[in-house]
Amino acid sequence: MTTPHERINQGFLLIGRNFTDITRRDSRLDRSAMTLLACLDAGGPMTLAELSAVLGRDVSTLNRQTAALLRRDLAERIPDPAGGMARKFRISTEGARRLADERANNLRATKVLLDGWTDAEIESFAAALERYNAAIEERSGRHWPASDKA
């Protein structure tokens, strides 16, 4: 018999695999691009160091990932609006459009997967995920930028 903690761990493993399989079928953005664009969309322009602090990735990895975004015109480099020396990355108009398409695709998939659940079950699941993610952020010290765009 497995413990609830083991079932939760197994559940997250399966969520990661299965949800990605379902949503990536129609995706045109890879997971790293989606994550970076969502971060820039929520938090506004950021330097590589700021992205590293939020995402917990090393700067060399982020340098390669942001270079890929720039090549695809999904982000742009801008001077620091506050006058700092480091240049910042900002989501481009095309990046925002593509991110919105991905979010809509993911939302459609989520609604299909939760078909048959009651409103109360969906609300309870959403609240539990929010609480779980808040605990991760608190423990790691890395907080996703505040946004009303989920």
N, C-alpha and C. Protein backbone atom coordinates (compact mmCIF):
# COMPACT_ATOMS: atom_id res chain seq x y z
N MET A 1 0.84 -1.18 0.00
CA MET A 1 0.00 0.00 0.00
C MET A 1 0.89 1.24 0.00
N THR A 2 0.60 2.18 -0.89
CA THR A 2 1.40 3.38 -0.97
C THR A 2 0.83 4.47 -0.05
N THR A 3 1.71 5.33 0.40
CA THR A 3 1.30 6.41 1.27
C THR A 3 0.74 7.57 0.42
N PRO A 4 -0.01 8.47 1.03
CA PRO A 4 -0.48 9.64 0.28
C PRO A 4 0.67 10.45 -0.32
N HIS A 5 1.80 10.55 0.40
CA HIS A 5 2.95 11.29 -0.13
C HIS A 5 3.51 10.62 -1.38
N GLU A 6 3.56 9.30 -1.37
CA GLU A 6 4.03 8.57 -2.56
C GLU A 6 3.06 8.75 -3.72
N ARG A 7 1.76 8.74 -3.43
CA ARG A 7 0.76 8.94 -4.48
C ARG A 7 0.87 10.35 -5.08
N ILE A 8 1.15 11.33 -4.24
CA ILE A 8 1.33 12.71 -4.74
C ILE A 8 2.56 12.78 -5.64
N ASN A 9 3.67 12.19 -5.21
CA ASN A 9 4.87 12.19 -6.04
C ASN A 9 4.61 11.51 -7.39
N GLN A 10 3.95 10.37 -7.36
CA GLN A 10 3.62 9.67 -8.59
C GLN A 10 2.67 10.51 -9.44
N GLY A 11 1.73 11.18 -8.80
CA GLY A 11 0.79 12.03 -9.52
C GLY A 11 1.48 13.15 -10.26
N PHE A 12 2.45 13.79 -9.63
CA PHE A 12 3.17 14.88 -10.31
C PHE A 12 4.03 14.35 -11.45
N LEU A 13 4.60 13.19 -11.28
CA LEU A 13 5.36 12.58 -12.37
C LEU A 13 4.45 12.37 -13.58
N LEU A 14 3.28 11.82 -13.33
CA LEU A 14 2.34 11.56 -14.42
C LEU A 14 1.78 12.84 -15.02
N ILE A 15 1.50 13.84 -14.18
CA ILE A 15 1.01 15.11 -14.70
C ILE A 15 2.04 15.70 -15.66
N GLY A 16 3.28 15.73 -15.24
CA GLY A 16 4.33 16.28 -16.08
C GLY A 16 4.43 15.58 -17.42
N ARG A 17 4.38 14.29 -17.39
CA ARG A 17 4.48 13.53 -18.64
C ARG A 17 3.22 13.63 -19.47
N ASN A 18 2.08 13.36 -18.86
CA ASN A 18 0.84 13.28 -19.63
C ASN A 18 0.35 14.63 -20.12
N PHE A 19 0.38 15.65 -19.28
CA PHE A 19 -0.11 16.95 -19.71
C PHE A 19 0.77 17.50 -20.82
N THR A 20 2.08 17.31 -20.68
CA THR A 20 2.99 17.76 -21.73
C THR A 20 2.71 17.02 -23.03
N ASP A 21 2.47 15.72 -22.97
CA ASP A 21 2.15 14.96 -24.18
C ASP A 21 0.90 15.51 -24.85
N ILE A 22 -0.12 15.79 -24.08
CA ILE A 22 -1.39 16.26 -24.64
C ILE A 22 -1.25 17.67 -25.20
N THR A 23 -0.67 18.59 -24.45
CA THR A 23 -0.61 19.98 -24.89
C THR A 23 0.46 20.23 -25.94
N ARG A 24 1.50 19.44 -25.96
CA ARG A 24 2.59 19.68 -26.92
C ARG A 24 2.25 19.21 -28.33
N ARG A 25 1.22 18.41 -28.49
CA ARG A 25 0.87 17.93 -29.83
C ARG A 25 0.68 19.07 -30.81
N ASP A 26 -0.01 20.12 -30.37
CA ASP A 26 -0.30 21.27 -31.24
C ASP A 26 0.62 22.45 -30.95
N SER A 27 1.62 22.24 -30.12
CA SER A 27 2.47 23.34 -29.68
C SER A 27 3.51 23.70 -30.73
N ARG A 28 3.80 24.96 -30.76
CA ARG A 28 4.88 25.44 -31.61
C ARG A 28 6.00 26.07 -30.78
N LEU A 29 5.81 26.07 -29.46
CA LEU A 29 6.82 26.57 -28.54
C LEU A 29 7.31 25.41 -27.68
N ASP A 30 8.63 25.32 -27.49
CA ASP A 30 9.13 24.29 -26.58
C ASP A 30 8.92 24.76 -25.15
N ARG A 31 9.10 23.86 -24.21
CA ARG A 31 8.82 24.14 -22.80
C ARG A 31 9.67 25.30 -22.27
N SER A 32 10.95 25.36 -22.64
CA SER A 32 11.80 26.44 -22.12
C SER A 32 11.35 27.79 -22.67
N ALA A 33 10.96 27.85 -23.95
CA ALA A 33 10.46 29.10 -24.52
C ALA A 33 9.18 29.53 -23.83
N MET A 34 8.29 28.58 -23.63
CA MET A 34 7.02 28.88 -22.96
C MET A 34 7.27 29.43 -21.55
N THR A 35 8.17 28.80 -20.81
CA THR A 35 8.47 29.24 -19.45
C THR A 35 9.08 30.64 -19.44
N LEU A 36 10.06 30.89 -20.31
CA LEU A 36 10.69 32.21 -20.36
C LEU A 36 9.70 33.28 -20.78
N LEU A 37 8.90 33.01 -21.79
CA LEU A 37 7.93 34.00 -22.24
C LEU A 37 6.89 34.29 -21.16
N ALA A 38 6.43 33.26 -20.47
CA ALA A 38 5.46 33.46 -19.39
C ALA A 38 6.07 34.29 -18.27
N CYS A 39 7.33 34.06 -17.97
CA CYS A 39 8.02 34.82 -16.92
C CYS A 39 8.15 36.29 -17.33
N LEU A 40 8.57 36.55 -18.55
CA LEU A 40 8.71 37.92 -19.03
C LEU A 40 7.35 38.61 -19.13
N ASP A 41 6.34 37.86 -19.50
CA ASP A 41 4.99 38.41 -19.60
C ASP A 41 4.48 38.82 -18.22
N ALA A 42 4.73 37.97 -17.24
CA ALA A 42 4.24 38.24 -15.88
C ALA A 42 5.07 39.30 -15.18
N GLY A 43 6.38 39.24 -15.34
CA GLY A 43 7.26 40.09 -14.55
C GLY A 43 7.82 41.31 -15.26
N GLY A 44 7.56 41.42 -16.56
CA GLY A 44 8.12 42.54 -17.31
C GLY A 44 9.57 42.27 -17.68
N PRO A 45 10.23 43.26 -18.26
CA PRO A 45 11.60 43.07 -18.71
C PRO A 45 12.53 42.65 -17.57
N MET A 46 13.44 41.71 -17.88
CA MET A 46 14.38 41.19 -16.88
C MET A 46 15.73 40.96 -17.51
N THR A 47 16.76 41.09 -16.67
CA THR A 47 18.12 40.74 -17.07
C THR A 47 18.29 39.23 -16.95
N LEU A 48 19.41 38.74 -17.46
CA LEU A 48 19.71 37.31 -17.28
C LEU A 48 19.81 36.96 -15.81
N ALA A 49 20.41 37.84 -15.02
CA ALA A 49 20.54 37.57 -13.58
C ALA A 49 19.17 37.50 -12.91
N GLU A 50 18.27 38.38 -13.30
CA GLU A 50 16.93 38.36 -12.72
C GLU A 50 16.18 37.10 -13.13
N LEU A 51 16.30 36.71 -14.40
CA LEU A 51 15.68 35.47 -14.86
C LEU A 51 16.25 34.28 -14.10
N SER A 52 17.56 34.28 -13.88
CA SER A 52 18.21 33.20 -13.14
C SER A 52 17.65 33.09 -11.73
N ALA A 53 17.45 34.24 -11.08
CA ALA A 53 16.92 34.24 -9.72
C ALA A 53 15.50 33.70 -9.66
N VAL A 54 14.69 34.03 -10.65
CA VAL A 54 13.29 33.58 -10.66
C VAL A 54 13.18 32.11 -11.06
N LEU A 55 13.94 31.71 -12.07
CA LEU A 55 13.77 30.38 -12.64
C LEU A 55 14.72 29.34 -12.06
N GLY A 56 15.76 29.77 -11.38
CA GLY A 56 16.71 28.82 -10.80
C GLY A 56 17.56 28.13 -11.85
N ARG A 57 17.78 28.78 -12.96
CA ARG A 57 18.63 28.23 -14.02
C ARG A 57 19.92 29.05 -14.05
N ASP A 58 21.00 28.40 -14.51
CA ASP A 58 22.25 29.15 -14.58
C ASP A 58 22.21 30.11 -15.77
N VAL A 59 23.02 31.16 -15.66
CA VAL A 59 23.01 32.23 -16.65
C VAL A 59 23.42 31.72 -18.03
N SER A 60 24.35 30.76 -18.10
CA SER A 60 24.78 30.27 -19.41
C SER A 60 23.62 29.56 -20.12
N THR A 61 22.82 28.81 -19.38
CA THR A 61 21.64 28.15 -19.97
C THR A 61 20.65 29.20 -20.45
N LEU A 62 20.40 30.18 -19.61
CA LEU A 62 19.46 31.25 -19.98
C LEU A 62 19.97 32.06 -21.16
N ASN A 63 21.28 32.23 -21.25
CA ASN A 63 21.85 32.95 -22.38
C ASN A 63 21.52 32.24 -23.69
N ARG A 64 21.66 30.92 -23.70
CA ARG A 64 21.32 30.15 -24.90
C ARG A 64 19.81 30.21 -25.18
N GLN A 65 19.00 30.08 -24.13
CA GLN A 65 17.56 30.07 -24.32
C GLN A 65 17.03 31.43 -24.78
N THR A 66 17.56 32.51 -24.21
CA THR A 66 17.11 33.83 -24.64
C THR A 66 17.60 34.14 -26.06
N ALA A 67 18.78 33.64 -26.41
CA ALA A 67 19.28 33.83 -27.78
C ALA A 67 18.33 33.16 -28.77
N ALA A 68 17.80 32.00 -28.42
CA ALA A 68 16.84 31.32 -29.28
C ALA A 68 15.55 32.14 -29.40
N LEU A 69 15.12 32.75 -28.31
CA LEU A 69 13.92 33.60 -28.37
C LEU A 69 14.17 34.81 -29.29
N LEU A 70 15.35 35.40 -29.18
CA LEU A 70 15.68 36.55 -30.02
C LEU A 70 15.70 36.17 -31.49
N ARG A 71 16.30 35.02 -31.82
CA ARG A 71 16.36 34.57 -33.22
C ARG A 71 14.97 34.36 -33.81
N ARG A 72 14.03 33.96 -32.97
CA ARG A 72 12.66 33.68 -33.44
C ARG A 72 11.74 34.89 -33.28
N ASP A 73 12.32 36.03 -32.91
CA ASP A 73 11.56 37.28 -32.71
C ASP A 73 10.46 37.14 -31.66
N LEU A 74 10.71 36.31 -30.65
CA LEU A 74 9.74 36.13 -29.58
C LEU A 74 10.05 37.04 -28.39
N ALA A 75 11.27 37.58 -28.36
CA ALA A 75 11.68 38.51 -27.31
C ALA A 75 12.62 39.52 -27.95
N GLU A 76 12.88 40.59 -27.21
CA GLU A 76 13.81 41.60 -27.69
C GLU A 76 14.65 42.09 -26.52
N ARG A 77 15.84 42.59 -26.84
CA ARG A 77 16.73 43.16 -25.82
C ARG A 77 16.52 44.66 -25.81
N ILE A 78 16.42 45.19 -24.61
CA ILE A 78 16.20 46.63 -24.46
C ILE A 78 17.14 47.17 -23.39
N PRO A 79 17.43 48.47 -23.44
CA PRO A 79 18.18 49.06 -22.33
C PRO A 79 17.34 49.00 -21.06
N ASP A 80 18.01 48.94 -19.93
CA ASP A 80 17.31 48.93 -18.65
C ASP A 80 16.56 50.25 -18.49
N PRO A 81 15.22 50.19 -18.37
CA PRO A 81 14.45 51.43 -18.20
C PRO A 81 14.86 52.22 -16.95
N ALA A 82 15.43 51.54 -15.95
CA ALA A 82 15.86 52.22 -14.73
C ALA A 82 17.28 52.77 -14.86
N GLY A 83 17.90 52.60 -16.02
CA GLY A 83 19.23 53.15 -16.25
C GLY A 83 20.38 52.24 -15.87
N GLY A 84 20.10 51.00 -15.48
CA GLY A 84 21.16 50.05 -15.15
C GLY A 84 22.00 49.71 -16.37
N MET A 85 23.15 49.11 -16.12
CA MET A 85 24.07 48.76 -17.21
C MET A 85 23.61 47.54 -18.01
N ALA A 86 23.06 46.56 -17.32
CA ALA A 86 22.67 45.32 -18.01
C ALA A 86 21.44 45.56 -18.88
N ARG A 87 21.46 44.96 -20.05
CA ARG A 87 20.29 45.04 -20.92
C ARG A 87 19.26 44.03 -20.44
N LYS A 88 18.02 44.30 -20.74
CA LYS A 88 16.94 43.43 -20.30
C LYS A 88 16.28 42.77 -21.50
N PHE A 89 15.63 41.67 -21.21
CA PHE A 89 14.84 40.98 -22.22
C PHE A 89 13.38 41.31 -21.97
N ARG A 90 12.66 41.54 -23.06
CA ARG A 90 11.24 41.83 -22.99
C ARG A 90 10.53 40.96 -24.02
N ILE A 91 9.36 40.49 -23.67
CA ILE A 91 8.57 39.71 -24.61
C ILE A 91 8.17 40.62 -25.78
N SER A 92 8.28 40.11 -26.99
CA SER A 92 7.90 40.89 -28.17
C SER A 92 6.41 40.74 -28.45
N THR A 93 5.91 41.51 -29.37
CA THR A 93 4.51 41.39 -29.78
C THR A 93 4.23 39.98 -30.29
N GLU A 94 5.14 39.46 -31.12
CA GLU A 94 4.98 38.10 -31.63
C GLU A 94 5.07 37.08 -30.51
N GLY A 95 5.98 37.29 -29.57
CA GLY A 95 6.09 36.38 -28.42
C GLY A 95 4.82 36.38 -27.59
N ALA A 96 4.24 37.55 -27.38
CA ALA A 96 2.99 37.65 -26.61
C ALA A 96 1.85 36.95 -27.34
N ARG A 97 1.81 37.08 -28.65
CA ARG A 97 0.76 36.41 -29.43
C ARG A 97 0.91 34.90 -29.35
N ARG A 98 2.13 34.43 -29.52
CA ARG A 98 2.38 32.98 -29.48
C ARG A 98 2.12 32.42 -28.08
N LEU A 99 2.49 33.17 -27.05
CA LEU A 99 2.23 32.74 -25.68
C LEU A 99 0.73 32.65 -25.43
N ALA A 100 -0.02 33.62 -25.91
CA ALA A 100 -1.47 33.60 -25.75
C ALA A 100 -2.07 32.38 -26.45
N ASP A 101 -1.56 32.04 -27.62
CA ASP A 101 -2.03 30.84 -28.33
C ASP A 101 -1.75 29.58 -27.52
N GLU A 102 -0.53 29.49 -26.95
CA GLU A 102 -0.17 28.32 -26.14
C GLU A 102 -1.05 28.22 -24.90
N ARG A 103 -1.27 29.35 -24.25
CA ARG A 103 -2.12 29.34 -23.06
C ARG A 103 -3.54 28.90 -23.40
N ALA A 104 -4.05 29.38 -24.52
CA ALA A 104 -5.40 28.98 -24.94
C ALA A 104 -5.45 27.48 -25.22
N ASN A 105 -4.42 26.95 -25.86
CA ASN A 105 -4.33 25.51 -26.13
C ASN A 105 -4.29 24.72 -24.83
N ASN A 106 -3.47 25.17 -23.88
CA ASN A 106 -3.36 24.49 -22.59
C ASN A 106 -4.67 24.56 -21.81
N LEU A 107 -5.35 25.69 -21.87
CA LEU A 107 -6.62 25.84 -21.17
C LEU A 107 -7.68 24.91 -21.77
N ARG A 108 -7.71 24.82 -23.09
CA ARG A 108 -8.65 23.89 -23.74
C ARG A 108 -8.38 22.45 -23.28
N ALA A 109 -7.10 22.07 -23.23
CA ALA A 109 -6.74 20.72 -22.80
C ALA A 109 -7.14 20.49 -21.35
N THR A 110 -6.92 21.48 -20.50
CA THR A 110 -7.29 21.36 -19.09
C THR A 110 -8.79 21.17 -18.95
N LYS A 111 -9.56 21.95 -19.68
CA LYS A 111 -11.02 21.83 -19.59
C LYS A 111 -11.50 20.46 -20.05
N VAL A 112 -10.89 19.93 -21.09
CA VAL A 112 -11.25 18.59 -21.56
C VAL A 112 -10.93 17.55 -20.49
N LEU A 113 -9.75 17.68 -19.89
CA LEU A 113 -9.33 16.71 -18.89
C LEU A 113 -10.19 16.75 -17.63
N LEU A 114 -10.75 17.92 -17.33
CA LEU A 114 -11.57 18.06 -16.13
C LEU A 114 -13.06 17.95 -16.42
N ASP A 115 -13.39 17.57 -17.64
CA ASP A 115 -14.79 17.35 -17.99
C ASP A 115 -15.37 16.27 -17.08
N GLY A 116 -16.51 16.56 -16.51
CA GLY A 116 -17.13 15.60 -15.61
C GLY A 116 -16.84 15.90 -14.14
N TRP A 117 -15.88 16.76 -13.87
CA TRP A 117 -15.61 17.17 -12.50
C TRP A 117 -16.64 18.24 -12.12
N THR A 118 -16.99 18.29 -10.86
CA THR A 118 -17.89 19.34 -10.39
C THR A 118 -17.10 20.65 -10.24
N ASP A 119 -17.82 21.76 -10.20
CA ASP A 119 -17.16 23.05 -9.97
C ASP A 119 -16.41 23.03 -8.65
N ALA A 120 -16.97 22.42 -7.64
CA ALA A 120 -16.32 22.35 -6.33
C ALA A 120 -15.03 21.53 -6.39
N GLU A 121 -15.04 20.42 -7.14
CA GLU A 121 -13.83 19.61 -7.28
C GLU A 121 -12.73 20.39 -8.01
N ILE A 122 -13.12 21.11 -9.04
CA ILE A 122 -12.14 21.90 -9.80
C ILE A 122 -11.57 23.00 -8.92
N GLU A 123 -12.42 23.69 -8.16
CA GLU A 123 -11.96 24.75 -7.26
C GLU A 123 -11.03 24.18 -6.19
N SER A 124 -11.37 23.05 -5.65
CA SER A 124 -10.54 22.42 -4.62
C SER A 124 -9.18 22.02 -5.19
N PHE A 125 -9.16 21.46 -6.38
CA PHE A 125 -7.92 21.06 -7.03
C PHE A 125 -7.06 22.30 -7.30
N ALA A 126 -7.67 23.37 -7.82
CA ALA A 126 -6.93 24.61 -8.10
C ALA A 126 -6.33 25.18 -6.83
N ALA A 127 -7.11 25.20 -5.76
CA ALA A 127 -6.62 25.73 -4.48
C ALA A 127 -5.47 24.89 -3.94
N ALA A 128 -5.57 23.58 -4.06
CA ALA A 128 -4.50 22.71 -3.59
C ALA A 128 -3.21 22.93 -4.39
N LEU A 129 -3.32 23.08 -5.71
CA LEU A 129 -2.14 23.34 -6.54
C LEU A 129 -1.51 24.68 -6.18
N GLU A 130 -2.34 25.70 -5.96
CA GLU A 130 -1.82 27.01 -5.57
C GLU A 130 -1.07 26.92 -4.24
N ARG A 131 -1.64 26.21 -3.31
CA ARG A 131 -1.01 26.07 -2.00
C ARG A 131 0.31 25.30 -2.12
N TYR A 132 0.31 24.23 -2.89
CA TYR A 132 1.51 23.43 -3.09
C TYR A 132 2.62 24.27 -3.73
N ASN A 133 2.28 25.01 -4.78
CA ASN A 133 3.27 25.85 -5.46
C ASN A 133 3.76 26.98 -4.56
N ALA A 134 2.89 27.53 -3.73
CA ALA A 134 3.32 28.56 -2.78
C ALA A 134 4.33 27.98 -1.79
N ALA A 135 4.12 26.74 -1.36
CA ALA A 135 5.06 26.09 -0.45
C ALA A 135 6.42 25.88 -1.13
N ILE A 136 6.40 25.50 -2.40
CA ILE A 136 7.66 25.34 -3.14
C ILE A 136 8.38 26.67 -3.24
N GLU A 137 7.65 27.73 -3.60
CA GLU A 137 8.27 29.05 -3.72
C GLU A 137 8.85 29.52 -2.39
N GLU A 138 8.11 29.30 -1.32
CA GLU A 138 8.58 29.72 0.00
C GLU A 138 9.85 28.97 0.39
N ARG A 139 9.87 27.69 0.14
CA ARG A 139 11.04 26.88 0.51
C ARG A 139 12.25 27.21 -0.37
N SER A 140 12.02 27.42 -1.67
CA SER A 140 13.13 27.68 -2.59
C SER A 140 13.60 29.13 -2.54
N GLY A 141 12.72 30.03 -2.10
CA GLY A 141 13.06 31.45 -2.12
C GLY A 141 12.93 32.07 -3.50
N ARG A 142 12.45 31.30 -4.46
CA ARG A 142 12.24 31.78 -5.82
C ARG A 142 10.74 31.95 -6.03
N HIS A 143 10.33 33.16 -6.31
CA HIS A 143 8.91 33.44 -6.47
C HIS A 143 8.63 33.84 -7.91
N TRP A 144 7.63 33.19 -8.47
CA TRP A 144 7.19 33.52 -9.83
C TRP A 144 6.68 34.94 -9.81
N PRO A 145 6.95 35.72 -10.84
CA PRO A 145 6.46 37.09 -10.85
C PRO A 145 4.93 37.14 -10.71
N ALA A 146 4.45 38.11 -9.96
CA ALA A 146 3.02 38.28 -9.77
C ALA A 146 2.38 38.65 -11.10
N SER A 147 1.24 38.07 -11.36
CA SER A 147 0.53 38.36 -12.60
C SER A 147 -0.93 37.99 -12.46
N ASP A 148 -1.75 38.66 -13.22
CA ASP A 148 -3.17 38.29 -13.28
C ASP A 148 -3.45 37.51 -14.56
N LYS A 149 -2.37 37.08 -15.26
CA LYS A 149 -2.53 36.44 -16.57
C LYS A 149 -2.47 34.93 -16.56
N ALA A 150 -2.11 34.32 -15.46
CA ALA A 150 -1.97 32.86 -15.32
C ALA A 150 -1.79 32.12 -16.57
